[in-house]
Amino acid sequence: MCTRASIQDVIFSDNQILAVGAEPVMSRFDINGAVLSQIPSAPQSAFSVSVHPSGVTAVGGYEGLVDIISQFGSHYCTFHCQCV
């Protein structure tokens, strides 16, 4: 697995590896570590990635941003969370 920045969270999903970290992309790798795709994400640095059983992925990170990405890589929406 090769990325330009540090990886901060990794999960396994359907024979793929999803990784996020200190760059604004979610990387998809096959089980051998070959890059399948790099999907741009709103957070400039992502701390967490999670996949729902439906295939929808959430990427959370810097500035309270959470990206919701379809199983095909298109963006559904971006949430901005803030403390009250």
N, C-alpha and C. Protein backbone atom coordinates (compact mmCIF):
# COMPACT_ATOMS: atom_id res chain seq x y z
N MET A 1 0.85 -1.17 0.00
CA MET A 1 0.00 0.00 0.00
C MET A 1 0.89 1.23 0.00
N CYS A 2 0.61 2.14 -0.91
CA CYS A 2 1.43 3.34 -1.03
C CYS A 2 0.53 4.57 -1.07
N THR A 3 0.76 5.49 -0.16
CA THR A 3 0.08 6.78 -0.16
C THR A 3 1.14 7.85 0.07
N ARG A 4 0.78 9.10 -0.20
CA ARG A 4 1.72 10.20 -0.01
C ARG A 4 1.79 10.66 1.44
N ALA A 5 0.82 10.27 2.26
CA ALA A 5 0.75 10.75 3.64
C ALA A 5 0.44 9.60 4.59
N SER A 6 0.56 9.87 5.87
CA SER A 6 0.32 8.85 6.90
C SER A 6 -1.13 8.37 6.88
N ILE A 7 -1.30 7.05 7.00
CA ILE A 7 -2.64 6.46 7.11
C ILE A 7 -3.03 6.48 8.59
N GLN A 8 -4.28 6.92 8.87
CA GLN A 8 -4.73 7.05 10.25
C GLN A 8 -5.85 6.08 10.62
N ASP A 9 -6.54 5.51 9.62
CA ASP A 9 -7.58 4.51 9.90
C ASP A 9 -7.72 3.60 8.70
N VAL A 10 -7.91 2.31 8.97
CA VAL A 10 -8.03 1.29 7.92
C VAL A 10 -9.15 0.33 8.30
N ILE A 11 -9.94 -0.07 7.30
CA ILE A 11 -10.93 -1.13 7.52
C ILE A 11 -10.91 -2.08 6.33
N PHE A 12 -11.37 -3.30 6.57
CA PHE A 12 -11.52 -4.29 5.51
C PHE A 12 -12.99 -4.37 5.16
N SER A 13 -13.30 -4.35 3.86
CA SER A 13 -14.69 -4.39 3.41
C SER A 13 -14.77 -5.06 2.04
N ASP A 14 -15.48 -6.19 1.97
CA ASP A 14 -15.68 -6.90 0.70
C ASP A 14 -14.39 -7.13 -0.08
N ASN A 15 -13.42 -7.77 0.54
CA ASN A 15 -12.13 -8.08 -0.10
C ASN A 15 -11.37 -6.84 -0.55
N GLN A 16 -11.65 -5.72 0.07
CA GLN A 16 -10.93 -4.48 -0.21
C GLN A 16 -10.46 -3.88 1.11
N ILE A 17 -9.48 -3.02 1.01
CA ILE A 17 -8.99 -2.27 2.16
C ILE A 17 -9.30 -0.81 1.90
N LEU A 18 -9.98 -0.16 2.84
CA LEU A 18 -10.26 1.27 2.76
C LEU A 18 -9.36 1.97 3.76
N ALA A 19 -8.69 3.04 3.33
CA ALA A 19 -7.76 3.75 4.21
C ALA A 19 -7.94 5.25 4.06
N VAL A 20 -7.86 5.95 5.19
CA VAL A 20 -7.89 7.42 5.21
C VAL A 20 -6.74 7.90 6.07
N GLY A 21 -6.36 9.16 5.87
CA GLY A 21 -5.26 9.68 6.67
C GLY A 21 -5.03 11.15 6.44
N ALA A 22 -3.77 11.53 6.44
CA ALA A 22 -3.36 12.93 6.43
C ALA A 22 -3.35 13.53 5.02
N GLU A 23 -4.32 13.18 4.22
CA GLU A 23 -4.54 13.80 2.91
C GLU A 23 -6.03 13.69 2.59
N PRO A 24 -6.55 14.55 1.74
CA PRO A 24 -8.01 14.60 1.50
C PRO A 24 -8.52 13.55 0.50
N VAL A 25 -8.19 12.29 0.74
CA VAL A 25 -8.67 11.20 -0.11
C VAL A 25 -8.97 9.97 0.74
N MET A 26 -9.89 9.15 0.24
CA MET A 26 -10.09 7.81 0.77
C MET A 26 -9.52 6.86 -0.27
N SER A 27 -8.55 6.05 0.13
CA SER A 27 -7.92 5.13 -0.81
C SER A 27 -8.53 3.75 -0.68
N ARG A 28 -8.76 3.12 -1.84
CA ARG A 28 -9.25 1.74 -1.89
C ARG A 28 -8.14 0.88 -2.47
N PHE A 29 -7.81 -0.20 -1.75
CA PHE A 29 -6.76 -1.12 -2.19
C PHE A 29 -7.35 -2.52 -2.31
N ASP A 30 -6.77 -3.33 -3.21
CA ASP A 30 -7.17 -4.73 -3.21
C ASP A 30 -6.43 -5.43 -2.08
N ILE A 31 -6.70 -6.70 -1.88
CA ILE A 31 -6.14 -7.42 -0.74
C ILE A 31 -4.62 -7.57 -0.86
N ASN A 32 -4.06 -7.37 -2.06
CA ASN A 32 -2.62 -7.43 -2.27
C ASN A 32 -1.94 -6.08 -2.09
N GLY A 33 -2.73 -5.03 -1.85
CA GLY A 33 -2.17 -3.70 -1.63
C GLY A 33 -2.12 -2.81 -2.86
N ALA A 34 -2.62 -3.28 -4.00
CA ALA A 34 -2.63 -2.45 -5.21
C ALA A 34 -3.76 -1.41 -5.10
N VAL A 35 -3.47 -0.19 -5.51
CA VAL A 35 -4.46 0.89 -5.44
C VAL A 35 -5.57 0.64 -6.46
N LEU A 36 -6.82 0.61 -6.00
CA LEU A 36 -7.97 0.49 -6.89
C LEU A 36 -8.51 1.87 -7.25
N SER A 37 -8.58 2.76 -6.26
CA SER A 37 -9.03 4.13 -6.52
C SER A 37 -8.67 5.02 -5.34
N GLN A 38 -8.68 6.32 -5.60
CA GLN A 38 -8.52 7.32 -4.56
C GLN A 38 -9.64 8.33 -4.75
N ILE A 39 -10.55 8.38 -3.78
CA ILE A 39 -11.74 9.21 -3.87
C ILE A 39 -11.53 10.46 -3.03
N PRO A 40 -11.63 11.65 -3.62
CA PRO A 40 -11.47 12.89 -2.85
C PRO A 40 -12.50 12.97 -1.72
N SER A 41 -12.05 13.51 -0.59
CA SER A 41 -12.96 13.69 0.55
C SER A 41 -12.85 15.12 1.06
N ALA A 42 -13.90 15.59 1.73
CA ALA A 42 -13.94 16.97 2.22
C ALA A 42 -12.91 17.25 3.32
N PRO A 43 -12.75 16.36 4.32
CA PRO A 43 -11.75 16.65 5.36
C PRO A 43 -10.34 16.67 4.78
N GLN A 44 -9.56 17.69 5.11
CA GLN A 44 -8.18 17.76 4.63
C GLN A 44 -7.31 16.69 5.27
N SER A 45 -7.73 16.21 6.43
CA SER A 45 -7.09 15.10 7.12
C SER A 45 -8.21 14.27 7.75
N ALA A 46 -8.25 12.99 7.46
CA ALA A 46 -9.34 12.14 7.95
C ALA A 46 -8.84 11.24 9.08
N PHE A 47 -9.69 11.08 10.10
CA PHE A 47 -9.33 10.29 11.28
C PHE A 47 -10.08 8.98 11.35
N SER A 48 -11.18 8.85 10.59
CA SER A 48 -12.03 7.67 10.75
C SER A 48 -12.74 7.34 9.44
N VAL A 49 -12.87 6.04 9.18
CA VAL A 49 -13.65 5.56 8.04
C VAL A 49 -14.53 4.42 8.54
N SER A 50 -15.78 4.40 8.09
CA SER A 50 -16.74 3.38 8.52
C SER A 50 -17.65 3.04 7.35
N VAL A 51 -17.98 1.74 7.22
CA VAL A 51 -18.85 1.29 6.13
C VAL A 51 -20.13 0.70 6.72
N HIS A 52 -21.27 1.17 6.22
CA HIS A 52 -22.58 0.63 6.60
C HIS A 52 -22.82 -0.62 5.76
N PRO A 53 -23.58 -1.60 6.27
CA PRO A 53 -23.87 -2.82 5.49
C PRO A 53 -24.46 -2.54 4.09
N SER A 54 -25.10 -1.39 3.89
CA SER A 54 -25.65 -1.04 2.58
C SER A 54 -24.56 -0.64 1.58
N GLY A 55 -23.32 -0.44 2.07
CA GLY A 55 -22.22 -0.05 1.19
C GLY A 55 -21.87 1.42 1.28
N VAL A 56 -22.67 2.21 1.98
CA VAL A 56 -22.39 3.63 2.15
C VAL A 56 -21.23 3.79 3.13
N THR A 57 -20.30 4.69 2.80
CA THR A 57 -19.11 4.91 3.62
C THR A 57 -19.13 6.31 4.22
N ALA A 58 -18.72 6.42 5.48
CA ALA A 58 -18.58 7.72 6.14
C ALA A 58 -17.10 7.95 6.43
N VAL A 59 -16.63 9.15 6.08
CA VAL A 59 -15.25 9.55 6.35
C VAL A 59 -15.30 10.79 7.22
N GLY A 60 -14.74 10.71 8.42
CA GLY A 60 -14.76 11.84 9.35
C GLY A 60 -13.36 12.36 9.60
N GLY A 61 -13.27 13.69 9.78
CA GLY A 61 -11.94 14.22 10.03
C GLY A 61 -11.91 15.66 10.46
N TYR A 62 -10.84 16.32 10.09
CA TYR A 62 -10.50 17.67 10.49
C TYR A 62 -11.65 18.65 10.25
N GLU A 63 -11.78 19.62 11.13
CA GLU A 63 -12.79 20.67 11.09
C GLU A 63 -14.21 20.13 11.27
N GLY A 64 -14.36 18.94 11.84
CA GLY A 64 -15.68 18.38 12.08
C GLY A 64 -16.44 18.00 10.83
N LEU A 65 -15.73 17.72 9.74
CA LEU A 65 -16.38 17.34 8.49
C LEU A 65 -16.57 15.83 8.41
N VAL A 66 -17.74 15.42 7.94
CA VAL A 66 -18.04 14.01 7.71
C VAL A 66 -18.58 13.89 6.29
N ASP A 67 -17.87 13.15 5.45
CA ASP A 67 -18.28 12.89 4.07
C ASP A 67 -19.05 11.59 4.01
N ILE A 68 -20.15 11.57 3.28
CA ILE A 68 -20.92 10.35 3.05
C ILE A 68 -20.74 9.99 1.57
N ILE A 69 -20.19 8.79 1.32
CA ILE A 69 -19.80 8.37 -0.03
C ILE A 69 -20.54 7.09 -0.38
N SER A 70 -21.05 7.02 -1.61
CA SER A 70 -21.77 5.82 -2.06
C SER A 70 -20.79 4.68 -2.29
N GLN A 71 -21.33 3.48 -2.44
CA GLN A 71 -20.48 2.31 -2.70
C GLN A 71 -19.78 2.41 -4.06
N PHE A 72 -20.24 3.34 -4.91
CA PHE A 72 -19.65 3.52 -6.23
C PHE A 72 -18.67 4.69 -6.27
N GLY A 73 -18.49 5.38 -5.13
CA GLY A 73 -17.51 6.46 -5.05
C GLY A 73 -18.05 7.86 -5.25
N SER A 74 -19.36 8.01 -5.45
CA SER A 74 -19.91 9.36 -5.59
C SER A 74 -20.31 9.90 -4.22
N HIS A 75 -20.27 11.22 -4.08
CA HIS A 75 -20.61 11.85 -2.80
C HIS A 75 -22.12 12.02 -2.65
N TYR A 76 -22.64 11.59 -1.51
CA TYR A 76 -24.03 11.88 -1.18
C TYR A 76 -24.13 13.26 -0.56
N CYS A 77 -23.31 13.51 0.46
CA CYS A 77 -23.36 14.80 1.14
C CYS A 77 -22.16 14.93 2.09
N THR A 78 -22.00 16.13 2.61
CA THR A 78 -20.97 16.41 3.62
C THR A 78 -21.64 17.12 4.79
N PHE A 79 -21.37 16.63 5.99
CA PHE A 79 -21.88 17.27 7.20
C PHE A 79 -20.77 18.07 7.85
N HIS A 80 -21.12 19.19 8.47
CA HIS A 80 -20.17 19.96 9.26
C HIS A 80 -20.67 19.97 10.69
N CYS A 81 -19.96 19.30 11.57
CA CYS A 81 -20.34 19.21 12.98
C CYS A 81 -19.62 20.30 13.76
N GLN A 82 -20.31 20.90 14.72
CA GLN A 82 -19.64 21.89 15.57
C GLN A 82 -20.21 21.81 16.98
N CYS A 83 -19.39 22.18 17.93
CA CYS A 83 -19.80 22.16 19.34
C CYS A 83 -20.68 23.35 19.64
N VAL A 84 -21.59 23.16 20.58
CA VAL A 84 -22.45 24.27 21.01
C VAL A 84 -22.15 24.65 22.44
